[in-house]
Amino acid sequence: MVVASDISRCPNTPWPTCRGYLHKRTHSGFVKGWRKRWFVLKHDGFLLYYKHRKDEGKWPPLDMIKLEGAEVDIDNSLGKPFVFNCMPQSGSRILCLCATSNQEMKRWLEAMQRAARPVHQNHVWEDATVHNSSLPPLAIKHPECLGLLHQLERSTDVWIQHYCILKDGCLYFYASIRSTQASGGLYLQGYSVSEQTHGFEQPVIELKPSSEEFKTFYFCAENKTENQRWIAALKTSIKKWLPLDQAIQEFMSRPLEETRM
């Protein structure tokens, strides 16, 4: 399935994120010793680093390390304060890093250790949506809304028609009412619903995420009355995800964690 966001990990615990400068120990090149690098810990558990802060988003990272399964701990062997190591699960090399203070070191250690030991758990709604996606549209019991919707494909600016079923915070897409299973779907936790008119010939339904990491989606029903019916149903269905939505909002409203040197 193509989904708006992934709830296969613990749904109420956002992944840790840190950005900031750390010193990285190197044994190669003309200059051996400690080099200042801009590090970014992503929600997916990958640690990236760049030469400069301004390079993030503009240039590929100098390296990318998968933290899941890694060993992350303090290193007192060098006689230098605030040093910690990261050994990826592959064991190919050890990443030796140095922070500017004990507080900064602890914050990075906590975030990296959480990324190295992510919480995997099944979620009752995830199990239900996986089951529902394998069913024909009319076999889903007690849908909250159903009917035709057109989805805007932003890359081609073309509207694609789906037969849609809304159930428990998930919007399922079918090629037609006679389809045997869903062709895709959106988990709607954290999304807001509104009617949007700017830039469109007629009012459309906007599904906007709380994080810029996810896409904004645009849909259009057969007429304005149908639009309003879908908007009301989507808002009600998303409320079933309210505890998760609140957790995401609280996480996103926290100040960006970053360190400077």
C-alpha atoms as a PDB file:
ATOM      1  CA  MET A   1       0.000   0.000   0.000  1.00  0.00           C
ATOM      2  CA  VAL A   2       1.035   3.577  -0.564  1.00  0.00           C
ATOM      3  CA  VAL A   3       0.401   5.304   2.743  1.00  0.00           C
ATOM      4  CA  ALA A   4       0.593   8.891   3.932  1.00  0.00           C
ATOM      5  CA  SER A   5       2.558   7.920   7.010  1.00  0.00           C
ATOM      6  CA  ASP A   6       3.925   4.805   8.649  1.00  0.00           C
ATOM      7  CA  ILE A   7       2.482   3.494  11.915  1.00  0.00           C
ATOM      8  CA  SER A   8       4.342   0.183  11.837  1.00  0.00           C
ATOM      9  CA  ARG A   9       6.567   1.503  14.622  1.00  0.00           C
ATOM     10  CA  CYS A  10       5.250   2.448  18.063  1.00  0.00           C
ATOM     11  CA  PRO A  11       2.553   4.940  17.016  1.00  0.00           C
ATOM     12  CA  ASN A  12       2.570   7.119  20.133  1.00  0.00           C
ATOM     13  CA  THR A  13       6.350   7.546  20.337  1.00  0.00           C
ATOM     14  CA  PRO A  14       7.874   9.808  17.662  1.00  0.00           C
ATOM     15  CA  TRP A  15      11.410   8.970  16.686  1.00  0.00           C
ATOM     16  CA  PRO A  16      14.119  11.072  18.335  1.00  0.00           C
ATOM     17  CA  THR A  17      15.656  13.841  16.249  1.00  0.00           C
ATOM     18  CA  CYS A  18      18.812  15.841  16.831  1.00  0.00           C
ATOM     19  CA  ARG A  19      20.708  18.324  14.698  1.00  0.00           C
ATOM     20  CA  GLY A  20      23.955  20.025  15.518  1.00  0.00           C
ATOM     21  CA  TYR A  21      27.699  20.189  15.302  1.00  0.00           C
ATOM     22  CA  LEU A  22      29.860  17.413  16.733  1.00  0.00           C
ATOM     23  CA  HIS A  23      33.549  16.704  16.327  1.00  0.00           C
ATOM     24  CA  LYS A  24      34.309  13.460  14.521  1.00  0.00           C
ATOM     25  CA  ARG A  25      37.586  11.642  15.007  1.00  0.00           C
ATOM     26  CA  THR A  26      39.325  10.642  11.787  1.00  0.00           C
ATOM     27  CA  HIS A  27      42.355   8.517  10.996  1.00  0.00           C
ATOM     28  CA  SER A  28      42.462   9.163   7.276  1.00  0.00           C
ATOM     29  CA  GLY A  29      43.362  12.005   4.939  1.00  0.00           C
ATOM     30  CA  PHE A  30      46.054  14.620   5.320  1.00  0.00           C
ATOM     31  CA  VAL A  31      44.656  15.951   8.609  1.00  0.00           C
ATOM     32  CA  LYS A  32      44.331  13.342  11.341  1.00  0.00           C
ATOM     33  CA  GLY A  33      42.445  14.185  14.504  1.00  0.00           C
ATOM     34  CA  TRP A  34      39.058  15.817  15.143  1.00  0.00           C
ATOM     35  CA  ARG A  35      36.939  17.409  12.424  1.00  0.00           C
ATOM     36  CA  LYS A  36      33.875  19.533  13.015  1.00  0.00           C
ATOM     37  CA  ARG A  37      30.837  18.171  11.160  1.00  0.00           C
ATOM     38  CA  TRP A  38      27.106  18.928  11.036  1.00  0.00           C
ATOM     39  CA  PHE A  39      25.162  15.853  12.209  1.00  0.00           C
ATOM     40  CA  VAL A  40      21.486  15.096  11.603  1.00  0.00           C
ATOM     41  CA  LEU A  41      19.606  12.230  13.277  1.00  0.00           C
ATOM     42  CA  LYS A  42      16.519  11.491  11.174  1.00  0.00           C
ATOM     43  CA  HIS A  43      13.156  10.074  12.265  1.00  0.00           C
ATOM     44  CA  ASP A  44      13.912   6.868  10.352  1.00  0.00           C
ATOM     45  CA  GLY A  45      16.925   6.099  12.566  1.00  0.00           C
ATOM     46  CA  PHE A  46      19.652   7.147  10.131  1.00  0.00           C
ATOM     47  CA  LEU A  47      22.523   9.402  11.230  1.00  0.00           C
ATOM     48  CA  LEU A  48      23.812  11.717   8.501  1.00  0.00           C
ATOM     49  CA  TYR A  49      26.623  14.213   8.578  1.00  0.00           C
ATOM     50  CA  TYR A  50      27.756  17.081   6.398  1.00  0.00           C
ATOM     51  CA  LYS A  51      30.794  19.332   6.248  1.00  0.00           C
ATOM     52  CA  HIS A  52      28.716  22.417   7.045  1.00  0.00           C
ATOM     53  CA  ARG A  53      25.221  23.137   8.332  1.00  0.00           C
ATOM     54  CA  LYS A  54      24.316  24.915   5.081  1.00  0.00           C
ATOM     55  CA  ASP A  55      24.965  21.696   3.136  1.00  0.00           C
ATOM     56  CA  GLU A  56      21.939  19.925   4.665  1.00  0.00           C
ATOM     57  CA  GLY A  57      19.232  19.669   2.042  1.00  0.00           C
ATOM     58  CA  LYS A  58      21.488  21.063  -0.691  1.00  0.00           C
ATOM     59  CA  TRP A  59      24.164  18.384  -1.007  1.00  0.00           C
ATOM     60  CA  PRO A  60      24.298  14.646  -0.325  1.00  0.00           C
ATOM     61  CA  PRO A  61      25.646  13.793   3.153  1.00  0.00           C
ATOM     62  CA  LEU A  62      29.278  12.805   3.528  1.00  0.00           C
ATOM     63  CA  ASP A  63      28.038   9.574   5.069  1.00  0.00           C
ATOM     64  CA  MET A  64      24.850   7.947   6.347  1.00  0.00           C
ATOM     65  CA  ILE A  65      24.830   5.422   9.187  1.00  0.00           C
ATOM     66  CA  LYS A  66      21.938   3.153  10.099  1.00  0.00           C
ATOM     67  CA  LEU A  67      21.633   3.255  13.888  1.00  0.00           C
ATOM     68  CA  GLU A  68      19.203   0.369  14.390  1.00  0.00           C
ATOM     69  CA  GLY A  69      21.151  -2.390  16.142  1.00  0.00           C
ATOM     70  CA  ALA A  70      24.182  -0.155  16.754  1.00  0.00           C
ATOM     71  CA  GLU A  71      26.104   0.036  20.037  1.00  0.00           C
ATOM     72  CA  VAL A  72      26.293   3.589  21.389  1.00  0.00           C
ATOM     73  CA  ASP A  73      28.185   4.405  24.587  1.00  0.00           C
ATOM     74  CA  ILE A  74      30.621   6.778  26.338  1.00  0.00           C
ATOM     75  CA  ASP A  75      34.349   6.358  25.591  1.00  0.00           C
ATOM     76  CA  ASN A  76      36.758   7.209  28.422  1.00  0.00           C
ATOM     77  CA  SER A  77      39.818   5.624  26.801  1.00  0.00           C
ATOM     78  CA  LEU A  78      41.104   8.789  25.115  1.00  0.00           C
ATOM     79  CA  GLY A  79      41.291  10.906  28.245  1.00  0.00           C
ATOM     80  CA  LYS A  80      39.132  13.519  26.503  1.00  0.00           C
ATOM     81  CA  PRO A  81      35.761  14.610  27.958  1.00  0.00           C
ATOM     82  CA  PHE A  82      32.386  14.244  26.241  1.00  0.00           C
ATOM     83  CA  VAL A  83      33.524  11.515  23.830  1.00  0.00           C
ATOM     84  CA  PHE A  84      31.185   8.705  22.776  1.00  0.00           C
ATOM     85  CA  ASN A  85      31.311   5.909  20.221  1.00  0.00           C
ATOM     86  CA  CYS A  86      28.830   4.433  17.792  1.00  0.00           C
ATOM     87  CA  MET A  87      29.457   0.978  16.362  1.00  0.00           C
ATOM     88  CA  PRO A  88      26.916   0.063  13.628  1.00  0.00           C
ATOM     89  CA  GLN A  89      25.446  -3.420  13.608  1.00  0.00           C
ATOM     90  CA  SER A  90      27.630  -4.320  10.636  1.00  0.00           C
ATOM     91  CA  GLY A  91      30.671  -3.742  12.861  1.00  0.00           C
ATOM     92  CA  SER A  92      32.658  -2.424   9.919  1.00  0.00           C
ATOM     93  CA  ARG A  93      33.949   0.619  11.796  1.00  0.00           C
ATOM     94  CA  ILE A  94      33.523   2.709  14.923  1.00  0.00           C
ATOM     95  CA  LEU A  95      32.282   6.290  14.738  1.00  0.00           C
ATOM     96  CA  CYS A  96      34.005   8.324  17.459  1.00  0.00           C
ATOM     97  CA  LEU A  97      32.294  11.622  18.311  1.00  0.00           C
ATOM     98  CA  CYS A  98      32.854  14.462  20.744  1.00  0.00           C
ATOM     99  CA  ALA A  99      30.274  16.926  22.084  1.00  0.00           C
ATOM    100  CA  THR A 100      30.846  20.350  23.656  1.00  0.00           C
ATOM    101  CA  SER A 101      29.425  19.570  27.088  1.00  0.00           C
ATOM    102  CA  ASN A 102      28.224  16.743  29.252  1.00  0.00           C
ATOM    103  CA  GLN A 103      24.617  17.846  28.736  1.00  0.00           C
ATOM    104  CA  GLU A 104      24.987  17.804  24.948  1.00  0.00           C
ATOM    105  CA  MET A 105      26.684  14.413  25.052  1.00  0.00           C
ATOM    106  CA  LYS A 106      23.851  12.946  27.148  1.00  0.00           C
ATOM    107  CA  ARG A 107      21.225  14.359  24.786  1.00  0.00           C
ATOM    108  CA  TRP A 108      22.905  12.842  21.738  1.00  0.00           C
ATOM    109  CA  LEU A 109      23.488   9.568  23.553  1.00  0.00           C
ATOM    110  CA  GLU A 110      19.822   9.307  24.554  1.00  0.00           C
ATOM    111  CA  ALA A 111      18.572  10.091  21.042  1.00  0.00           C
ATOM    112  CA  MET A 112      21.026   7.735  19.323  1.00  0.00           C
ATOM    113  CA  GLN A 113      20.402   4.913  21.793  1.00  0.00           C
ATOM    114  CA  ARG A 114      16.657   5.217  21.251  1.00  0.00           C
ATOM    115  CA  ALA A 115      17.218   5.073  17.478  1.00  0.00           C
ATOM    116  CA  ALA A 116      19.483   2.055  17.954  1.00  0.00           C
ATOM    117  CA  ARG A 117      16.783   0.234  19.954  1.00  0.00           C
ATOM    118  CA  PRO A 118      13.488   1.261  18.324  1.00  0.00           C
ATOM    119  CA  VAL A 119      10.267  -0.032  19.831  1.00  0.00           C
ATOM    120  CA  HIS A 120       8.501  -2.373  17.425  1.00  0.00           C
ATOM    121  CA  GLN A 121       4.967  -3.324  18.271  1.00  0.00           C
ATOM    122  CA  ASN A 122       1.836  -4.257  16.458  1.00  0.00           C
ATOM    123  CA  HIS A 123      -1.045  -1.840  16.583  1.00  0.00           C
ATOM    124  CA  VAL A 124      -4.644  -2.999  16.590  1.00  0.00           C
ATOM    125  CA  TRP A 125      -5.712  -0.455  13.942  1.00  0.00           C
ATOM    126  CA  GLU A 126      -2.723  -1.259  11.777  1.00  0.00           C
ATOM    127  CA  ASP A 127      -3.704  -4.937  11.825  1.00  0.00           C
ATOM    128  CA  ALA A 128      -7.287  -3.979  10.984  1.00  0.00           C
ATOM    129  CA  THR A 129      -6.293  -1.730   8.066  1.00  0.00           C
ATOM    130  CA  VAL A 130      -3.997  -4.374   6.599  1.00  0.00           C
ATOM    131  CA  HIS A 131      -6.919  -6.816   6.769  1.00  0.00           C
ATOM    132  CA  ASN A 132      -9.384  -4.313   5.305  1.00  0.00           C
ATOM    133  CA  SER A 133      -7.085  -3.477   2.398  1.00  0.00           C
ATOM    134  CA  SER A 134      -7.274  -7.084   1.231  1.00  0.00           C
ATOM    135  CA  LEU A 135     -11.091  -6.962   1.014  1.00  0.00           C
ATOM    136  CA  PRO A 136     -13.393  -5.736  -1.774  1.00  0.00           C
ATOM    137  CA  PRO A 137     -14.733  -2.250  -0.968  1.00  0.00           C
ATOM    138  CA  LEU A 138     -18.252  -3.321  -0.071  1.00  0.00           C
ATOM    139  CA  ALA A 139     -16.936  -6.049   2.246  1.00  0.00           C
ATOM    140  CA  ILE A 140     -15.607  -3.484   4.755  1.00  0.00           C
ATOM    141  CA  LYS A 141     -18.126  -3.388   7.581  1.00  0.00           C
ATOM    142  CA  HIS A 142     -19.713  -0.127   8.743  1.00  0.00           C
ATOM    143  CA  PRO A 143     -17.745   2.366   6.605  1.00  0.00           C
ATOM    144  CA  GLU A 144     -17.885   5.980   7.738  1.00  0.00           C
ATOM    145  CA  CYS A 145     -18.081   7.287   4.188  1.00  0.00           C
ATOM    146  CA  LEU A 146     -17.859   5.861   0.677  1.00  0.00           C
ATOM    147  CA  GLY A 147     -18.057   7.042  -2.893  1.00  0.00           C
ATOM    148  CA  LEU A 148     -16.037   8.507  -5.748  1.00  0.00           C
ATOM    149  CA  LEU A 149     -13.189  10.930  -5.123  1.00  0.00           C
ATOM    150  CA  HIS A 150     -10.694  12.463  -7.536  1.00  0.00           C
ATOM    151  CA  GLN A 151      -7.130  12.789  -6.237  1.00  0.00           C
ATOM    152  CA  LEU A 152      -4.739  15.402  -7.608  1.00  0.00           C
ATOM    153  CA  GLU A 153      -1.463  13.922  -8.833  1.00  0.00           C
ATOM    154  CA  ARG A 154       0.837  16.886  -8.165  1.00  0.00           C
ATOM    155  CA  SER A 155       3.660  15.761 -10.435  1.00  0.00           C
ATOM    156  CA  THR A 156       1.418  15.662 -13.539  1.00  0.00           C
ATOM    157  CA  ASP A 157      -1.377  18.021 -12.382  1.00  0.00           C
ATOM    158  CA  VAL A 158      -3.904  15.318 -13.334  1.00  0.00           C
ATOM    159  CA  TRP A 159      -6.950  14.256 -11.297  1.00  0.00           C
ATOM    160  CA  ILE A 160      -7.203  10.483 -10.820  1.00  0.00           C
ATOM    161  CA  GLN A 161     -10.547   8.906  -9.915  1.00  0.00           C
ATOM    162  CA  HIS A 162     -10.804   6.392  -7.062  1.00  0.00           C
ATOM    163  CA  TYR A 163     -13.662   4.607  -5.410  1.00  0.00           C
ATOM    164  CA  CYS A 164     -12.958   5.361  -1.740  1.00  0.00           C
ATOM    165  CA  ILE A 165     -13.899   3.841   1.606  1.00  0.00           C
ATOM    166  CA  LEU A 166     -13.280   5.692   4.885  1.00  0.00           C
ATOM    167  CA  LYS A 167     -12.984   3.552   7.981  1.00  0.00           C
ATOM    168  CA  ASP A 168     -11.328   4.206  11.382  1.00  0.00           C
ATOM    169  CA  GLY A 169      -8.930   6.931  10.289  1.00  0.00           C
ATOM    170  CA  CYS A 170      -7.884   5.222   7.076  1.00  0.00           C
ATOM    171  CA  LEU A 171      -8.931   6.134   3.538  1.00  0.00           C
ATOM    172  CA  TYR A 172      -8.815   3.159   1.150  1.00  0.00           C
ATOM    173  CA  PHE A 173      -8.481   3.587  -2.629  1.00  0.00           C
ATOM    174  CA  TYR A 174      -9.991   1.219  -5.211  1.00  0.00           C
ATOM    175  CA  ALA A 175      -9.853   1.335  -8.984  1.00  0.00           C
ATOM    176  CA  SER A 176     -13.616   0.716  -9.038  1.00  0.00           C
ATOM    177  CA  ILE A 177     -16.445  -0.575  -6.886  1.00  0.00           C
ATOM    178  CA  ARG A 178     -15.838  -4.021  -8.405  1.00  0.00           C
ATOM    179  CA  SER A 179     -12.181  -4.206  -7.291  1.00  0.00           C
ATOM    180  CA  THR A 180     -11.166  -7.210  -5.227  1.00  0.00           C
ATOM    181  CA  GLN A 181      -8.764  -5.288  -2.978  1.00  0.00           C
ATOM    182  CA  ALA A 182      -7.488  -1.776  -2.276  1.00  0.00           C
ATOM    183  CA  SER A 183      -4.843  -0.308  -4.549  1.00  0.00           C
ATOM    184  CA  GLY A 184      -3.618   2.042  -1.819  1.00  0.00           C
ATOM    185  CA  GLY A 185      -4.610   4.081   1.160  1.00  0.00           C
ATOM    186  CA  LEU A 186      -3.812   6.861   3.616  1.00  0.00           C
ATOM    187  CA  TYR A 187      -3.407   6.635   7.374  1.00  0.00           C
ATOM    188  CA  LEU A 188      -4.874   9.951   8.474  1.00  0.00           C
ATOM    189  CA  GLN A 189      -3.522  10.379  12.008  1.00  0.00           C
ATOM    190  CA  GLY A 190      -2.234  13.911  12.523  1.00  0.00           C
ATOM    191  CA  TYR A 191      -3.890  15.268   9.364  1.00  0.00           C
ATOM    192  CA  SER A 192      -6.174  18.297   9.290  1.00  0.00           C
ATOM    193  CA  VAL A 193      -9.085  18.601   6.845  1.00  0.00           C
ATOM    194  CA  SER A 194     -10.321  21.770   5.192  1.00  0.00           C
ATOM    195  CA  GLU A 195     -11.920  23.090   2.023  1.00  0.00           C
ATOM    196  CA  GLN A 196      -9.413  24.849  -0.222  1.00  0.00           C
ATOM    197  CA  THR A 197     -10.286  27.198  -3.072  1.00  0.00           C
ATOM    198  CA  HIS A 198      -7.048  29.070  -3.769  1.00  0.00           C
ATOM    199  CA  GLY A 199      -5.474  27.990  -7.048  1.00  0.00           C
ATOM    200  CA  PHE A 200      -8.295  25.629  -8.004  1.00  0.00           C
ATOM    201  CA  GLU A 201     -11.216  26.026 -10.395  1.00  0.00           C
ATOM    202  CA  GLN A 202     -13.612  24.661  -7.776  1.00  0.00           C
ATOM    203  CA  PRO A 203     -13.430  23.909  -4.032  1.00  0.00           C
ATOM    204  CA  VAL A 204     -11.321  20.868  -3.133  1.00  0.00           C
ATOM    205  CA  ILE A 205     -10.653  18.853   0.014  1.00  0.00           C
ATOM    206  CA  GLU A 206      -7.219  19.478   1.498  1.00  0.00           C
ATOM    207  CA  LEU A 207      -5.620  16.867   3.767  1.00  0.00           C
ATOM    208  CA  LYS A 208      -2.642  18.560   5.409  1.00  0.00           C
ATOM    209  CA  PRO A 209      -0.150  16.749   7.690  1.00  0.00           C
ATOM    210  CA  SER A 210       1.299  18.175  10.894  1.00  0.00           C
ATOM    211  CA  SER A 211       4.839  17.546   9.652  1.00  0.00           C
ATOM    212  CA  GLU A 212       6.476  18.750   6.436  1.00  0.00           C
ATOM    213  CA  GLU A 213       8.006  15.288   6.078  1.00  0.00           C
ATOM    214  CA  PHE A 214       4.653  14.067   4.748  1.00  0.00           C
ATOM    215  CA  LYS A 215       2.693  15.090   1.664  1.00  0.00           C
ATOM    216  CA  THR A 216      -0.380  17.289   1.469  1.00  0.00           C
ATOM    217  CA  PHE A 217      -3.192  15.627  -0.481  1.00  0.00           C
ATOM    218  CA  TYR A 218      -6.010  17.184  -2.513  1.00  0.00           C
ATOM    219  CA  PHE A 219      -9.299  15.485  -3.358  1.00  0.00           C
ATOM    220  CA  CYS A 220     -12.449  16.544  -5.135  1.00  0.00           C
ATOM    221  CA  ALA A 221     -15.875  14.909  -4.945  1.00  0.00           C
ATOM    222  CA  GLU A 222     -18.597  15.070  -7.590  1.00  0.00           C
ATOM    223  CA  ASN A 223     -20.067  18.334  -6.275  1.00  0.00           C
ATOM    224  CA  LYS A 224     -19.907  20.793  -3.360  1.00  0.00           C
ATOM    225  CA  THR A 225     -22.457  18.852  -1.304  1.00  0.00           C
ATOM    226  CA  GLU A 226     -20.395  15.688  -1.638  1.00  0.00           C
ATOM    227  CA  ASN A 227     -17.272  17.654  -0.712  1.00  0.00           C
ATOM    228  CA  GLN A 228     -18.913  18.758   2.528  1.00  0.00           C
ATOM    229  CA  ARG A 229     -20.092  15.223   3.270  1.00  0.00           C
ATOM    230  CA  TRP A 230     -16.553  13.903   2.898  1.00  0.00           C
ATOM    231  CA  ILE A 231     -15.024  16.737   4.947  1.00  0.00           C
ATOM    232  CA  ALA A 232     -17.393  16.076   7.852  1.00  0.00           C
ATOM    233  CA  ALA A 233     -16.737  12.330   7.734  1.00  0.00           C
ATOM    234  CA  LEU A 234     -12.957  12.763   7.500  1.00  0.00           C
ATOM    235  CA  LYS A 235     -12.881  15.099  10.509  1.00  0.00           C
ATOM    236  CA  THR A 236     -14.919  12.664  12.583  1.00  0.00           C
ATOM    237  CA  SER A 237     -12.767   9.706  11.573  1.00  0.00           C
ATOM    238  CA  ILE A 238      -9.513  11.521  12.333  1.00  0.00           C
ATOM    239  CA  LYS A 239     -10.757  12.268  15.852  1.00  0.00           C
ATOM    240  CA  LYS A 240     -10.393   8.555  16.532  1.00  0.00           C
ATOM    241  CA  TRP A 241      -6.644   9.161  16.238  1.00  0.00           C
ATOM    242  CA  LEU A 242      -6.757  12.091  18.702  1.00  0.00           C
ATOM    243  CA  PRO A 243      -4.300  10.667  21.288  1.00  0.00           C
ATOM    244  CA  LEU A 244      -1.733  10.110  18.545  1.00  0.00           C
ATOM    245  CA  ASP A 245      -2.474  13.462  16.955  1.00  0.00           C
ATOM    246  CA  GLN A 246      -1.834  15.203  20.279  1.00  0.00           C
ATOM    247  CA  ALA A 247       1.449  13.341  20.716  1.00  0.00           C
ATOM    248  CA  ILE A 248       2.591  14.402  17.256  1.00  0.00           C
ATOM    249  CA  GLN A 249       1.577  18.030  17.808  1.00  0.00           C
ATOM    250  CA  GLU A 250       3.407  18.168  21.129  1.00  0.00           C
ATOM    251  CA  PHE A 251       6.498  16.681  19.551  1.00  0.00           C
ATOM    252  CA  MET A 252       6.423  19.025  16.542  1.00  0.00           C
ATOM    253  CA  SER A 253       5.913  22.116  18.763  1.00  0.00           C
ATOM    254  CA  ARG A 254       9.053  21.412  20.784  1.00  0.00           C
ATOM    255  CA  PRO A 255      12.034  23.648  19.972  1.00  0.00           C
ATOM    256  CA  LEU A 256      14.361  22.160  17.365  1.00  0.00           C
ATOM    257  CA  GLU A 257      17.105  20.293  19.167  1.00  0.00           C
ATOM    258  CA  GLU A 258      20.435  21.400  17.841  1.00  0.00           C
ATOM    259  CA  THR A 259      23.901  22.048  19.172  1.00  0.00           C
ATOM    260  CA  ARG A 260      26.330  24.723  18.134  1.00  0.00           C
ATOM    261  CA  MET A 261      30.076  25.062  18.412  1.00  0.00           C
END
